[in-house]
Amino acid sequence: GHVLAAASTLQKDVKTDLKSTSNKEAATAVGKAVAEKAVEAGVKDVAFDRSGYQYHGRVKELADAAREAGLKF
């Protein structure tokens, strides 16, 4: 596949109000940002590759935020 949207806590628009870049709050911000970029690019249906990580904690927060922002997994 091809990467059509990406987000990271290293981006200024994502990390602006974050106290930490490695907690659930940061994961939520990244999920929302990547979803907004994907929807802007016309993409709503995506595959979510957890890269072997369990679906809980920060991974779950990122996925939930992306869903709330309009992505369908």
Protein backbone atom coordinates (compact mmCIF):
# COMPACT_ATOMS: atom_id res chain seq x y z
CA GLY A 1 0.00 0.00 0.00
CA HIS A 2 0.84 3.65 -0.12
CA VAL A 3 0.99 6.13 2.74
CA LEU A 4 -1.59 8.85 2.05
CA ALA A 5 -1.59 10.54 5.45
CA ALA A 6 0.73 10.57 8.43
CA ALA A 7 0.94 12.30 11.80
CA SER A 8 3.43 12.39 14.64
CA THR A 9 3.95 14.10 17.98
CA LEU A 10 7.03 15.66 16.38
CA GLN A 11 4.79 17.90 14.26
CA LYS A 12 4.21 21.39 15.67
CA ASP A 13 0.45 21.34 15.05
CA VAL A 14 0.11 18.06 16.99
CA LYS A 15 2.38 18.70 19.97
CA THR A 16 1.33 22.30 20.66
CA ASP A 17 -0.75 21.67 23.80
CA LEU A 18 0.65 18.29 24.85
CA LYS A 19 2.32 17.91 28.24
CA SER A 20 4.00 14.69 27.07
CA THR A 21 4.48 13.15 23.64
CA SER A 22 4.32 9.55 24.87
CA ASN A 23 1.01 9.17 26.71
CA LYS A 24 -2.63 8.46 25.85
CA GLU A 25 -3.36 12.16 25.35
CA ALA A 26 -0.63 12.33 22.70
CA ALA A 27 -1.93 9.16 21.02
CA THR A 28 -5.39 10.72 20.84
CA ALA A 29 -3.96 13.88 19.25
CA VAL A 30 -2.06 11.82 16.65
CA GLY A 31 -5.14 9.72 15.86
CA LYS A 32 -7.25 12.81 15.33
CA ALA A 33 -4.57 14.51 13.20
CA VAL A 34 -3.98 11.53 10.92
CA ALA A 35 -7.73 11.03 10.46
CA GLU A 36 -8.23 14.68 9.53
CA LYS A 37 -5.42 14.47 6.96
CA ALA A 38 -6.80 11.24 5.50
CA VAL A 39 -10.34 12.58 5.20
CA GLU A 40 -8.92 15.74 3.62
CA ALA A 41 -7.18 13.51 1.05
CA GLY A 42 -10.48 11.74 0.32
CA VAL A 43 -9.70 8.57 2.28
CA LYS A 44 -12.18 7.21 4.82
CA ASP A 45 -11.66 3.43 4.72
CA VAL A 46 -8.26 2.32 6.02
CA ALA A 47 -6.38 -0.71 7.32
CA PHE A 48 -4.94 -0.29 10.81
CA ASP A 49 -1.65 -2.14 11.23
CA ARG A 50 -0.77 -2.41 14.91
CA SER A 51 2.68 -3.81 14.07
CA GLY A 52 2.26 -6.52 16.69
CA TYR A 53 1.23 -4.19 19.50
CA GLN A 54 -1.75 -5.25 21.61
CA TYR A 55 -4.95 -3.27 21.13
CA HIS A 56 -5.02 -1.36 24.41
CA GLY A 57 -3.57 1.78 25.95
CA ARG A 58 -2.05 4.22 23.50
CA VAL A 59 -2.79 2.04 20.46
CA LYS A 60 -6.49 1.93 21.41
CA GLU A 61 -6.59 5.68 22.10
CA LEU A 62 -5.09 6.45 18.68
CA ALA A 63 -7.54 4.14 16.89
CA ASP A 64 -10.56 5.44 18.80
CA ALA A 65 -9.64 9.07 18.06
CA ALA A 66 -9.16 8.28 14.37
CA ARG A 67 -12.58 6.61 14.24
CA GLU A 68 -14.22 9.58 15.97
CA ALA A 69 -12.61 11.89 13.41
CA GLY A 70 -14.13 9.97 10.50
CA LEU A 71 -11.98 6.96 9.60
CA LYS A 72 -13.43 3.47 9.16
CA PHE A 73 -11.19 0.49 9.91
